[in-house]
Amino acid sequence: MKFTKSGGRTGAGPKDWFTGTVQIDGIRNPDGESAIGCAHVRFAPGARTAWHHHPKGQTLYVTDGIGLVARRGGTVQEIRPGDVVYIEPGEEHWHGATPERFMAHIAMQEADADGQVVTWLDHVTDEEYGA
């Protein structure tokens, strides 16, 4: 068993990966013991990820607020606390808060054999976000 005390720093979401104000608390990074990566991500109203995909898929567990999620070419879906979203491996998608409410989720993804967990793409346009 490995126990890690809380106390790590909250980090700002990088501008290359996010639009708006996003705060990230890392839970765990993939390592030699487990390929699982996990973070608690908080989005201010209107904030969102850029388009991205994961080689082994991603699971989101919504903890607070009201959010949105969409896959490339699909419709925008509302997500709420307790909702679980599974994104297929390689599926281009984005997620974030609604324009009026914050949203927080736990994001879980597995690293591939090369240690890769995500590939970041272009930013979600205002038109795509508002669709």
C-alpha atoms as a PDB file:
ATOM      1  CA  MET A   1       0.000   0.000   0.000  1.00  0.00           C
ATOM      2  CA  LYS A   2       1.225   3.478  -0.818  1.00  0.00           C
ATOM      3  CA  PHE A   3      -0.223   6.502   0.978  1.00  0.00           C
ATOM      4  CA  THR A   4       0.353  10.035  -0.278  1.00  0.00           C
ATOM      5  CA  LYS A   5      -0.536  12.947   1.990  1.00  0.00           C
ATOM      6  CA  SER A   6      -2.413  15.872   0.492  1.00  0.00           C
ATOM      7  CA  GLY A   7      -0.697  19.192   0.196  1.00  0.00           C
ATOM      8  CA  GLY A   8       0.450  19.362  -3.395  1.00  0.00           C
ATOM      9  CA  ARG A   9       0.063  22.622  -5.278  1.00  0.00           C
ATOM     10  CA  THR A  10      -2.910  23.488  -7.432  1.00  0.00           C
ATOM     11  CA  GLY A  11      -1.698  24.379 -10.902  1.00  0.00           C
ATOM     12  CA  ALA A  12      -3.173  26.585 -13.581  1.00  0.00           C
ATOM     13  CA  GLY A  13      -4.274  24.783 -16.727  1.00  0.00           C
ATOM     14  CA  PRO A  14      -1.820  25.576 -19.552  1.00  0.00           C
ATOM     15  CA  LYS A  15      -3.143  28.019 -22.187  1.00  0.00           C
ATOM     16  CA  ASP A  16      -2.149  25.562 -24.946  1.00  0.00           C
ATOM     17  CA  TRP A  17      -4.560  22.996 -23.500  1.00  0.00           C
ATOM     18  CA  PHE A  18      -7.415  25.146 -22.150  1.00  0.00           C
ATOM     19  CA  THR A  19      -9.564  28.191 -22.858  1.00  0.00           C
ATOM     20  CA  GLY A  20     -10.460  30.211 -19.758  1.00  0.00           C
ATOM     21  CA  THR A  21      -9.511  29.666 -16.127  1.00  0.00           C
ATOM     22  CA  VAL A  22      -8.806  26.055 -15.216  1.00  0.00           C
ATOM     23  CA  GLN A  23      -7.185  24.731 -12.035  1.00  0.00           C
ATOM     24  CA  ILE A  24      -5.674  21.248 -11.779  1.00  0.00           C
ATOM     25  CA  ASP A  25      -4.879  19.164  -8.705  1.00  0.00           C
ATOM     26  CA  GLY A  26      -2.811  16.158  -9.695  1.00  0.00           C
ATOM     27  CA  ILE A  27      -3.848  12.920  -8.015  1.00  0.00           C
ATOM     28  CA  ARG A  28      -1.346  10.562  -9.613  1.00  0.00           C
ATOM     29  CA  ASN A  29       0.858  10.299 -12.674  1.00  0.00           C
ATOM     30  CA  PRO A  30       1.552   7.044 -14.495  1.00  0.00           C
ATOM     31  CA  ASP A  31       4.693   5.359 -13.195  1.00  0.00           C
ATOM     32  CA  GLY A  32       6.347   1.955 -12.969  1.00  0.00           C
ATOM     33  CA  GLU A  33       3.682   0.715 -10.566  1.00  0.00           C
ATOM     34  CA  SER A  34       0.563   1.769 -12.497  1.00  0.00           C
ATOM     35  CA  ALA A  35      -0.231   3.229 -15.919  1.00  0.00           C
ATOM     36  CA  ILE A  36      -3.170   5.204 -14.476  1.00  0.00           C
ATOM     37  CA  GLY A  37      -3.052   9.004 -14.440  1.00  0.00           C
ATOM     38  CA  CYS A  38      -5.658  10.986 -12.560  1.00  0.00           C
ATOM     39  CA  ALA A  39      -6.417  14.650 -11.751  1.00  0.00           C
ATOM     40  CA  HIS A  40      -9.169  16.774 -10.207  1.00  0.00           C
ATOM     41  CA  VAL A  41      -9.850  19.546 -12.711  1.00  0.00           C
ATOM     42  CA  ARG A  42     -11.910  22.682 -11.960  1.00  0.00           C
ATOM     43  CA  PHE A  43     -13.296  24.866 -14.755  1.00  0.00           C
ATOM     44  CA  ALA A  44     -14.532  28.453 -14.265  1.00  0.00           C
ATOM     45  CA  PRO A  45     -17.720  29.362 -16.181  1.00  0.00           C
ATOM     46  CA  GLY A  46     -17.014  29.188 -19.916  1.00  0.00           C
ATOM     47  CA  ALA A  47     -13.663  27.415 -19.495  1.00  0.00           C
ATOM     48  CA  ARG A  48     -12.963  24.275 -21.501  1.00  0.00           C
ATOM     49  CA  THR A  49     -10.285  21.964 -22.805  1.00  0.00           C
ATOM     50  CA  ALA A  50      -8.916  22.097 -26.315  1.00  0.00           C
ATOM     51  CA  TRP A  51      -9.801  19.214 -28.611  1.00  0.00           C
ATOM     52  CA  HIS A  52      -7.765  16.184 -27.585  1.00  0.00           C
ATOM     53  CA  HIS A  53      -7.710  12.382 -27.527  1.00  0.00           C
ATOM     54  CA  HIS A  54      -6.283   9.614 -25.359  1.00  0.00           C
ATOM     55  CA  PRO A  55      -4.573   6.450 -26.644  1.00  0.00           C
ATOM     56  CA  LYS A  56      -6.296   4.260 -24.028  1.00  0.00           C
ATOM     57  CA  GLY A  57      -9.476   6.335 -23.560  1.00  0.00           C
ATOM     58  CA  GLN A  58     -10.545   8.504 -20.643  1.00  0.00           C
ATOM     59  CA  THR A  59     -13.121   8.371 -17.870  1.00  0.00           C
ATOM     60  CA  LEU A  60     -14.560  11.554 -16.357  1.00  0.00           C
ATOM     61  CA  TYR A  61     -16.414  11.596 -13.029  1.00  0.00           C
ATOM     62  CA  VAL A  62     -18.238  14.894 -12.474  1.00  0.00           C
ATOM     63  CA  THR A  63     -17.915  16.080  -8.863  1.00  0.00           C
ATOM     64  CA  ASP A  64     -19.440  19.585  -8.892  1.00  0.00           C
ATOM     65  CA  GLY A  65     -21.260  22.123 -11.030  1.00  0.00           C
ATOM     66  CA  ILE A  66     -22.647  21.752 -14.529  1.00  0.00           C
ATOM     67  CA  GLY A  67     -20.490  20.995 -17.532  1.00  0.00           C
ATOM     68  CA  LEU A  68     -20.443  20.143 -21.184  1.00  0.00           C
ATOM     69  CA  VAL A  69     -18.740  17.409 -23.191  1.00  0.00           C
ATOM     70  CA  ALA A  70     -18.658  16.724 -26.931  1.00  0.00           C
ATOM     71  CA  ARG A  71     -16.913  14.455 -29.394  1.00  0.00           C
ATOM     72  CA  ARG A  72     -15.775  15.707 -32.791  1.00  0.00           C
ATOM     73  CA  GLY A  73     -18.796  15.685 -35.098  1.00  0.00           C
ATOM     74  CA  GLY A  74     -21.209  14.974 -32.226  1.00  0.00           C
ATOM     75  CA  THR A  75     -23.629  17.052 -30.195  1.00  0.00           C
ATOM     76  CA  VAL A  76     -22.723  18.882 -26.992  1.00  0.00           C
ATOM     77  CA  GLN A  77     -23.988  17.000 -23.913  1.00  0.00           C
ATOM     78  CA  GLU A  78     -24.660  18.468 -20.465  1.00  0.00           C
ATOM     79  CA  ILE A  79     -22.987  16.704 -17.531  1.00  0.00           C
ATOM     80  CA  ARG A  80     -23.789  16.993 -13.818  1.00  0.00           C
ATOM     81  CA  PRO A  81     -22.425  15.715 -10.472  1.00  0.00           C
ATOM     82  CA  GLY A  82     -22.350  11.928 -10.339  1.00  0.00           C
ATOM     83  CA  ASP A  83     -22.301  11.541 -14.125  1.00  0.00           C
ATOM     84  CA  VAL A  84     -19.599   9.282 -15.558  1.00  0.00           C
ATOM     85  CA  VAL A  85     -18.413   9.798 -19.131  1.00  0.00           C
ATOM     86  CA  TYR A  86     -16.225   7.243 -20.902  1.00  0.00           C
ATOM     87  CA  ILE A  87     -14.400   8.502 -23.981  1.00  0.00           C
ATOM     88  CA  GLU A  88     -13.186   5.816 -26.386  1.00  0.00           C
ATOM     89  CA  PRO A  89      -9.473   5.462 -27.264  1.00  0.00           C
ATOM     90  CA  GLY A  90      -8.529   7.937 -30.003  1.00  0.00           C
ATOM     91  CA  GLU A  91     -11.906   9.738 -29.855  1.00  0.00           C
ATOM     92  CA  GLU A  92     -11.391  13.482 -30.331  1.00  0.00           C
ATOM     93  CA  HIS A  93     -13.376  15.378 -27.706  1.00  0.00           C
ATOM     94  CA  TRP A  94     -13.488  18.356 -25.325  1.00  0.00           C
ATOM     95  CA  HIS A  95     -15.083  19.060 -21.924  1.00  0.00           C
ATOM     96  CA  GLY A  96     -15.582  22.061 -19.692  1.00  0.00           C
ATOM     97  CA  ALA A  97     -18.006  24.254 -17.771  1.00  0.00           C
ATOM     98  CA  THR A  98     -21.231  25.792 -19.011  1.00  0.00           C
ATOM     99  CA  PRO A  99     -21.170  29.559 -19.683  1.00  0.00           C
ATOM    100  CA  GLU A 100     -22.991  30.281 -16.400  1.00  0.00           C
ATOM    101  CA  ARG A 101     -21.653  27.647 -13.978  1.00  0.00           C
ATOM    102  CA  PHE A 102     -18.358  26.196 -12.849  1.00  0.00           C
ATOM    103  CA  MET A 103     -17.729  22.461 -13.225  1.00  0.00           C
ATOM    104  CA  ALA A 104     -15.241  20.055 -11.664  1.00  0.00           C
ATOM    105  CA  HIS A 105     -14.421  16.470 -12.541  1.00  0.00           C
ATOM    106  CA  ILE A 106     -11.958  13.721 -11.838  1.00  0.00           C
ATOM    107  CA  ALA A 107     -10.211  12.794 -15.099  1.00  0.00           C
ATOM    108  CA  MET A 108      -8.727   9.293 -15.315  1.00  0.00           C
ATOM    109  CA  GLN A 109      -6.672   7.945 -18.199  1.00  0.00           C
ATOM    110  CA  GLU A 110      -4.138   5.199 -18.802  1.00  0.00           C
ATOM    111  CA  ALA A 111      -0.729   5.669 -20.398  1.00  0.00           C
ATOM    112  CA  ASP A 112       0.164   3.626 -23.461  1.00  0.00           C
ATOM    113  CA  ALA A 113       3.412   1.628 -23.797  1.00  0.00           C
ATOM    114  CA  ASP A 114       5.299   4.863 -24.604  1.00  0.00           C
ATOM    115  CA  GLY A 115       3.956   6.648 -21.498  1.00  0.00           C
ATOM    116  CA  GLN A 116       1.620   8.850 -23.564  1.00  0.00           C
ATOM    117  CA  VAL A 117      -1.747   9.743 -21.950  1.00  0.00           C
ATOM    118  CA  VAL A 118      -3.058  12.554 -24.180  1.00  0.00           C
ATOM    119  CA  THR A 119      -2.552  14.273 -27.519  1.00  0.00           C
ATOM    120  CA  TRP A 120      -3.635  17.929 -27.548  1.00  0.00           C
ATOM    121  CA  LEU A 121      -5.127  19.420 -30.713  1.00  0.00           C
ATOM    122  CA  ASP A 122      -6.720  22.762 -31.711  1.00  0.00           C
ATOM    123  CA  HIS A 123      -8.742  24.971 -29.378  1.00  0.00           C
ATOM    124  CA  VAL A 124     -12.521  24.622 -29.333  1.00  0.00           C
ATOM    125  CA  THR A 125     -14.025  27.630 -31.108  1.00  0.00           C
ATOM    126  CA  ASP A 126     -16.803  29.701 -29.565  1.00  0.00           C
ATOM    127  CA  GLU A 127     -19.116  28.339 -32.269  1.00  0.00           C
ATOM    128  CA  GLU A 128     -18.278  24.715 -31.383  1.00  0.00           C
ATOM    129  CA  TYR A 129     -18.674  25.475 -27.668  1.00  0.00           C
ATOM    130  CA  GLY A 130     -22.036  27.164 -28.159  1.00  0.00           C
ATOM    131  CA  ALA A 131     -23.461  24.496 -30.513  1.00  0.00           C
END
